[in-house]
Amino acid sequence: MVKKRTLDLSKVLAATSELIDKQGIAAVTFPNLAKKLGIRFQSLYHYIDNRTQLLSLVGANRIKALNENLKENLVGMSGQEAILKFCDLIRDYLLEDSALAAILYHLNEYERDAEINIELLKVIELGTKLKSDEDEPISVHALVGAVLGYVFFDRSAIFSGESKEERNSNYHQMILRLIETV
């Protein structure tokens, strides 16, 4: 009797996310993932081509969830209030989702048409719809870069002497300066 395959792409992606959360992005190798799933590593090639595609798919799934969160929480908002909320939501999401934060710091490894970039462009497109002035679109590139930079610093020990309120205040001041210079 032939054993029925119960593995699918969603299980591979979930196991990869769990591996990143527990051991870091460097632990994502086909042998480690196969061991976690209880399969031979060659079986992973039925679902993905390589590690880069795997991380892109994991990142894309998590960015889809982020984008839905943004849409739900930005409905009816505009201007400076919406821009700050947009940045806060992304920052908070990335501080909670260590796997996505780690994956985003490796964006240069993905092809332009990779799944992760397609989903990230949707977030950026949403951000471009937020305007502080009807004549001036905000630089979402600058905002997303600033948010990622702050997430990196928030995760490090560099500013460990600052309280959460001080970090938030400094972060908002930086975002407001970006908005004003656009």
C-alpha atoms as a PDB file:
ATOM      1  CA  MET A   1       0.000   0.000   0.000  1.00  0.00           C
ATOM      2  CA  VAL A   2       1.305   3.456  -0.942  1.00  0.00           C
ATOM      3  CA  LYS A   3       1.486   6.012   1.825  1.00  0.00           C
ATOM      4  CA  LYS A   4      -0.549   9.116   1.004  1.00  0.00           C
ATOM      5  CA  ARG A   5       1.396  12.372   1.022  1.00  0.00           C
ATOM      6  CA  THR A   6       0.124  14.739   3.721  1.00  0.00           C
ATOM      7  CA  LEU A   7       2.708  17.445   3.223  1.00  0.00           C
ATOM      8  CA  ASP A   8       1.775  20.571   1.270  1.00  0.00           C
ATOM      9  CA  LEU A   9       3.252  24.009   0.648  1.00  0.00           C
ATOM     10  CA  SER A  10       1.367  25.623   3.535  1.00  0.00           C
ATOM     11  CA  LYS A  11       2.896  23.117   5.984  1.00  0.00           C
ATOM     12  CA  VAL A  12       6.363  23.765   4.552  1.00  0.00           C
ATOM     13  CA  LEU A  13       5.880  27.526   4.976  1.00  0.00           C
ATOM     14  CA  ALA A  14       4.526  27.138   8.520  1.00  0.00           C
ATOM     15  CA  ALA A  15       7.468  24.942   9.523  1.00  0.00           C
ATOM     16  CA  THR A  16       9.873  27.462   7.996  1.00  0.00           C
ATOM     17  CA  SER A  17       8.286  30.311   9.951  1.00  0.00           C
ATOM     18  CA  GLU A  18       8.530  28.322  13.154  1.00  0.00           C
ATOM     19  CA  LEU A  19      12.168  27.511  12.455  1.00  0.00           C
ATOM     20  CA  ILE A  20      12.955  31.211  11.919  1.00  0.00           C
ATOM     21  CA  ASP A  21      11.060  32.224  15.066  1.00  0.00           C
ATOM     22  CA  LYS A  22      12.876  29.690  17.244  1.00  0.00           C
ATOM     23  CA  GLN A  23      16.366  29.505  15.723  1.00  0.00           C
ATOM     24  CA  GLY A  24      16.776  32.471  13.388  1.00  0.00           C
ATOM     25  CA  ILE A  25      16.924  32.833   9.637  1.00  0.00           C
ATOM     26  CA  ALA A  26      20.352  31.177   9.392  1.00  0.00           C
ATOM     27  CA  ALA A  27      18.777  27.907  10.594  1.00  0.00           C
ATOM     28  CA  VAL A  28      16.601  27.732   7.478  1.00  0.00           C
ATOM     29  CA  THR A  29      18.316  25.036   5.481  1.00  0.00           C
ATOM     30  CA  PHE A  30      16.699  22.221   3.564  1.00  0.00           C
ATOM     31  CA  PRO A  31      18.194  19.571   5.896  1.00  0.00           C
ATOM     32  CA  ASN A  32      16.958  21.410   9.027  1.00  0.00           C
ATOM     33  CA  LEU A  33      13.522  21.964   7.521  1.00  0.00           C
ATOM     34  CA  ALA A  34      13.269  18.360   6.372  1.00  0.00           C
ATOM     35  CA  LYS A  35      14.217  17.135   9.837  1.00  0.00           C
ATOM     36  CA  LYS A  36      11.521  19.356  11.367  1.00  0.00           C
ATOM     37  CA  LEU A  37       8.930  17.996   8.905  1.00  0.00           C
ATOM     38  CA  GLY A  38      10.081  14.376   9.253  1.00  0.00           C
ATOM     39  CA  ILE A  39      10.887  13.987   5.553  1.00  0.00           C
ATOM     40  CA  ARG A  40      13.932  13.646   3.318  1.00  0.00           C
ATOM     41  CA  PHE A  41      15.237  17.051   2.246  1.00  0.00           C
ATOM     42  CA  GLN A  42      14.907  16.094  -1.437  1.00  0.00           C
ATOM     43  CA  SER A  43      11.127  15.972  -0.944  1.00  0.00           C
ATOM     44  CA  LEU A  44      11.099  19.747  -0.397  1.00  0.00           C
ATOM     45  CA  TYR A  45      11.874  20.233  -4.085  1.00  0.00           C
ATOM     46  CA  HIS A  46       8.302  19.127  -4.858  1.00  0.00           C
ATOM     47  CA  TYR A  47       7.140  22.422  -3.306  1.00  0.00           C
ATOM     48  CA  ILE A  48       9.963  24.933  -3.692  1.00  0.00           C
ATOM     49  CA  ASP A  49      12.990  25.448  -5.900  1.00  0.00           C
ATOM     50  CA  ASN A  50      15.469  26.845  -3.383  1.00  0.00           C
ATOM     51  CA  ARG A  51      15.954  28.638  -0.063  1.00  0.00           C
ATOM     52  CA  THR A  52      15.492  32.080  -1.576  1.00  0.00           C
ATOM     53  CA  GLN A  53      12.088  31.160  -2.994  1.00  0.00           C
ATOM     54  CA  LEU A  54      11.127  29.592   0.338  1.00  0.00           C
ATOM     55  CA  LEU A  55      11.944  32.752   2.292  1.00  0.00           C
ATOM     56  CA  SER A  56      10.206  34.885  -0.319  1.00  0.00           C
ATOM     57  CA  LEU A  57       7.016  32.836   0.050  1.00  0.00           C
ATOM     58  CA  VAL A  58       7.141  32.974   3.847  1.00  0.00           C
ATOM     59  CA  GLY A  59       7.694  36.733   3.703  1.00  0.00           C
ATOM     60  CA  ALA A  60       4.920  37.206   1.139  1.00  0.00           C
ATOM     61  CA  ASN A  61       2.398  35.378   3.344  1.00  0.00           C
ATOM     62  CA  ARG A  62       3.298  37.484   6.341  1.00  0.00           C
ATOM     63  CA  ILE A  63       3.194  40.721   4.331  1.00  0.00           C
ATOM     64  CA  LYS A  64      -0.294  39.800   3.094  1.00  0.00           C
ATOM     65  CA  ALA A  65      -1.396  39.622   6.727  1.00  0.00           C
ATOM     66  CA  LEU A  66       0.315  42.961   7.444  1.00  0.00           C
ATOM     67  CA  ASN A  67      -1.437  44.571   4.475  1.00  0.00           C
ATOM     68  CA  GLU A  68      -4.833  43.345   5.683  1.00  0.00           C
ATOM     69  CA  ASN A  69      -4.064  44.742   9.141  1.00  0.00           C
ATOM     70  CA  LEU A  70      -3.147  48.092   7.598  1.00  0.00           C
ATOM     71  CA  LYS A  71      -6.341  48.248   5.536  1.00  0.00           C
ATOM     72  CA  GLU A  72      -8.523  47.399   8.530  1.00  0.00           C
ATOM     73  CA  ASN A  73      -6.900  50.004  10.763  1.00  0.00           C
ATOM     74  CA  LEU A  74      -6.565  52.866   8.265  1.00  0.00           C
ATOM     75  CA  VAL A  75     -10.153  52.972   7.015  1.00  0.00           C
ATOM     76  CA  GLY A  76     -11.499  56.520   7.217  1.00  0.00           C
ATOM     77  CA  MET A  77      -8.144  58.076   8.097  1.00  0.00           C
ATOM     78  CA  SER A  78      -6.101  60.553   6.076  1.00  0.00           C
ATOM     79  CA  GLY A  79      -3.297  63.057   6.311  1.00  0.00           C
ATOM     80  CA  GLN A  80      -0.717  63.125   9.061  1.00  0.00           C
ATOM     81  CA  GLU A  81      -2.805  60.964  11.385  1.00  0.00           C
ATOM     82  CA  ALA A  82      -3.026  58.212   8.746  1.00  0.00           C
ATOM     83  CA  ILE A  83       0.676  58.390   7.925  1.00  0.00           C
ATOM     84  CA  LEU A  84       1.686  58.042  11.576  1.00  0.00           C
ATOM     85  CA  LYS A  85      -0.764  55.177  12.044  1.00  0.00           C
ATOM     86  CA  PHE A  86       0.567  53.488   8.867  1.00  0.00           C
ATOM     87  CA  CYS A  87       4.134  53.700  10.208  1.00  0.00           C
ATOM     88  CA  ASP A  88       3.149  52.625  13.726  1.00  0.00           C
ATOM     89  CA  LEU A  89       1.249  49.596  12.462  1.00  0.00           C
ATOM     90  CA  ILE A  90       4.168  48.447  10.319  1.00  0.00           C
ATOM     91  CA  ARG A  91       6.666  49.003  13.133  1.00  0.00           C
ATOM     92  CA  ASP A  92       4.534  47.188  15.715  1.00  0.00           C
ATOM     93  CA  TYR A  93       3.873  44.319  13.314  1.00  0.00           C
ATOM     94  CA  LEU A  94       7.572  43.867  12.577  1.00  0.00           C
ATOM     95  CA  LEU A  95       8.516  44.066  16.247  1.00  0.00           C
ATOM     96  CA  GLU A  96       6.065  41.232  16.926  1.00  0.00           C
ATOM     97  CA  ASP A  97       6.955  39.185  13.829  1.00  0.00           C
ATOM     98  CA  SER A  98      10.652  38.419  14.117  1.00  0.00           C
ATOM     99  CA  ALA A  99      10.565  36.085  11.098  1.00  0.00           C
ATOM    100  CA  LEU A 100       9.262  38.788   8.763  1.00  0.00           C
ATOM    101  CA  ALA A 101      11.669  41.376  10.155  1.00  0.00           C
ATOM    102  CA  ALA A 102      14.590  39.017   9.490  1.00  0.00           C
ATOM    103  CA  ILE A 103      13.374  38.228   5.989  1.00  0.00           C
ATOM    104  CA  LEU A 104      12.927  41.907   5.109  1.00  0.00           C
ATOM    105  CA  TYR A 105      16.541  42.640   5.990  1.00  0.00           C
ATOM    106  CA  HIS A 106      17.490  40.319   3.128  1.00  0.00           C
ATOM    107  CA  LEU A 107      15.346  41.943   0.425  1.00  0.00           C
ATOM    108  CA  ASN A 108      18.352  42.362  -1.847  1.00  0.00           C
ATOM    109  CA  GLU A 109      18.466  38.562  -2.281  1.00  0.00           C
ATOM    110  CA  TYR A 110      15.094  38.365  -4.043  1.00  0.00           C
ATOM    111  CA  GLU A 111      14.345  38.909  -7.713  1.00  0.00           C
ATOM    112  CA  ARG A 112      12.198  41.899  -8.636  1.00  0.00           C
ATOM    113  CA  ASP A 113       9.230  39.633  -9.435  1.00  0.00           C
ATOM    114  CA  ALA A 114       9.593  37.456  -6.320  1.00  0.00           C
ATOM    115  CA  GLU A 115       6.435  36.917  -4.303  1.00  0.00           C
ATOM    116  CA  ILE A 116       7.742  38.952  -1.385  1.00  0.00           C
ATOM    117  CA  ASN A 117       8.367  41.998  -3.572  1.00  0.00           C
ATOM    118  CA  ILE A 118       4.934  41.752  -5.156  1.00  0.00           C
ATOM    119  CA  GLU A 119       3.293  41.821  -1.720  1.00  0.00           C
ATOM    120  CA  LEU A 120       5.591  44.559  -0.430  1.00  0.00           C
ATOM    121  CA  LEU A 121       4.646  46.741  -3.396  1.00  0.00           C
ATOM    122  CA  LYS A 122       1.002  46.428  -2.320  1.00  0.00           C
ATOM    123  CA  VAL A 123       1.910  47.867   1.091  1.00  0.00           C
ATOM    124  CA  ILE A 124       3.845  50.676  -0.576  1.00  0.00           C
ATOM    125  CA  GLU A 125       0.920  51.347  -2.925  1.00  0.00           C
ATOM    126  CA  LEU A 126      -1.377  51.640   0.078  1.00  0.00           C
ATOM    127  CA  GLY A 127       1.070  54.046   1.700  1.00  0.00           C
ATOM    128  CA  THR A 128       1.220  56.267  -1.386  1.00  0.00           C
ATOM    129  CA  LYS A 129      -2.512  56.849  -1.047  1.00  0.00           C
ATOM    130  CA  LEU A 130      -1.913  58.539   2.309  1.00  0.00           C
ATOM    131  CA  LYS A 131      -1.163  62.198   1.767  1.00  0.00           C
ATOM    132  CA  SER A 132      -0.465  65.043   4.126  1.00  0.00           C
ATOM    133  CA  ASP A 133      -1.050  67.518   1.305  1.00  0.00           C
ATOM    134  CA  GLU A 134      -3.056  66.842  -1.847  1.00  0.00           C
ATOM    135  CA  ASP A 135      -0.276  68.220  -4.047  1.00  0.00           C
ATOM    136  CA  GLU A 136       2.584  66.320  -2.425  1.00  0.00           C
ATOM    137  CA  PRO A 137       2.648  62.524  -2.261  1.00  0.00           C
ATOM    138  CA  ILE A 138       4.586  61.174   0.670  1.00  0.00           C
ATOM    139  CA  SER A 139       7.823  59.307   0.079  1.00  0.00           C
ATOM    140  CA  VAL A 140       6.742  55.845   1.108  1.00  0.00           C
ATOM    141  CA  HIS A 141      10.220  54.633   0.234  1.00  0.00           C
ATOM    142  CA  ALA A 142      11.640  56.934   2.918  1.00  0.00           C
ATOM    143  CA  LEU A 143       8.905  56.023   5.414  1.00  0.00           C
ATOM    144  CA  VAL A 144       9.280  52.261   5.002  1.00  0.00           C
ATOM    145  CA  GLY A 145      13.070  52.597   5.174  1.00  0.00           C
ATOM    146  CA  ALA A 146      12.795  54.656   8.341  1.00  0.00           C
ATOM    147  CA  VAL A 147      10.395  52.163   9.915  1.00  0.00           C
ATOM    148  CA  LEU A 148      12.692  49.235   9.096  1.00  0.00           C
ATOM    149  CA  GLY A 149      15.638  51.147  10.510  1.00  0.00           C
ATOM    150  CA  TYR A 150      13.786  51.845  13.731  1.00  0.00           C
ATOM    151  CA  VAL A 151      12.726  48.205  14.018  1.00  0.00           C
ATOM    152  CA  PHE A 152      16.388  47.239  13.703  1.00  0.00           C
ATOM    153  CA  PHE A 153      17.362  49.686  16.462  1.00  0.00           C
ATOM    154  CA  ASP A 154      14.432  48.653  18.665  1.00  0.00           C
ATOM    155  CA  ARG A 155      15.625  45.043  18.463  1.00  0.00           C
ATOM    156  CA  SER A 156      19.220  45.931  19.298  1.00  0.00           C
ATOM    157  CA  ALA A 157      20.700  46.999  22.617  1.00  0.00           C
ATOM    158  CA  ILE A 158      21.861  50.370  21.249  1.00  0.00           C
ATOM    159  CA  PHE A 159      19.026  52.359  22.830  1.00  0.00           C
ATOM    160  CA  SER A 160      18.233  50.000  25.688  1.00  0.00           C
ATOM    161  CA  GLY A 161      18.558  52.910  28.146  1.00  0.00           C
ATOM    162  CA  GLU A 162      15.551  54.664  26.616  1.00  0.00           C
ATOM    163  CA  SER A 163      12.078  53.979  27.860  1.00  0.00           C
ATOM    164  CA  LYS A 164       9.415  52.780  25.464  1.00  0.00           C
ATOM    165  CA  GLU A 165       7.837  56.245  25.599  1.00  0.00           C
ATOM    166  CA  GLU A 166      11.146  57.893  24.662  1.00  0.00           C
ATOM    167  CA  ARG A 167      11.672  55.477  21.759  1.00  0.00           C
ATOM    168  CA  ASN A 168       8.127  56.115  20.510  1.00  0.00           C
ATOM    169  CA  SER A 169       8.549  59.880  20.821  1.00  0.00           C
ATOM    170  CA  ASN A 170      11.852  59.849  18.919  1.00  0.00           C
ATOM    171  CA  TYR A 171      10.339  57.593  16.288  1.00  0.00           C
ATOM    172  CA  HIS A 172       7.320  59.871  15.774  1.00  0.00           C
ATOM    173  CA  GLN A 173       9.546  62.954  15.573  1.00  0.00           C
ATOM    174  CA  MET A 174      11.560  61.283  12.820  1.00  0.00           C
ATOM    175  CA  ILE A 175       8.415  60.312  10.873  1.00  0.00           C
ATOM    176  CA  LEU A 176       7.019  63.834  11.199  1.00  0.00           C
ATOM    177  CA  ARG A 177      10.284  65.295   9.900  1.00  0.00           C
ATOM    178  CA  LEU A 178      10.103  62.984   6.899  1.00  0.00           C
ATOM    179  CA  ILE A 179       6.532  64.063   6.203  1.00  0.00           C
ATOM    180  CA  GLU A 180       7.472  67.738   6.437  1.00  0.00           C
ATOM    181  CA  THR A 181      10.421  67.441   4.058  1.00  0.00           C
ATOM    182  CA  VAL A 182       8.441  65.799   1.281  1.00  0.00           C
END
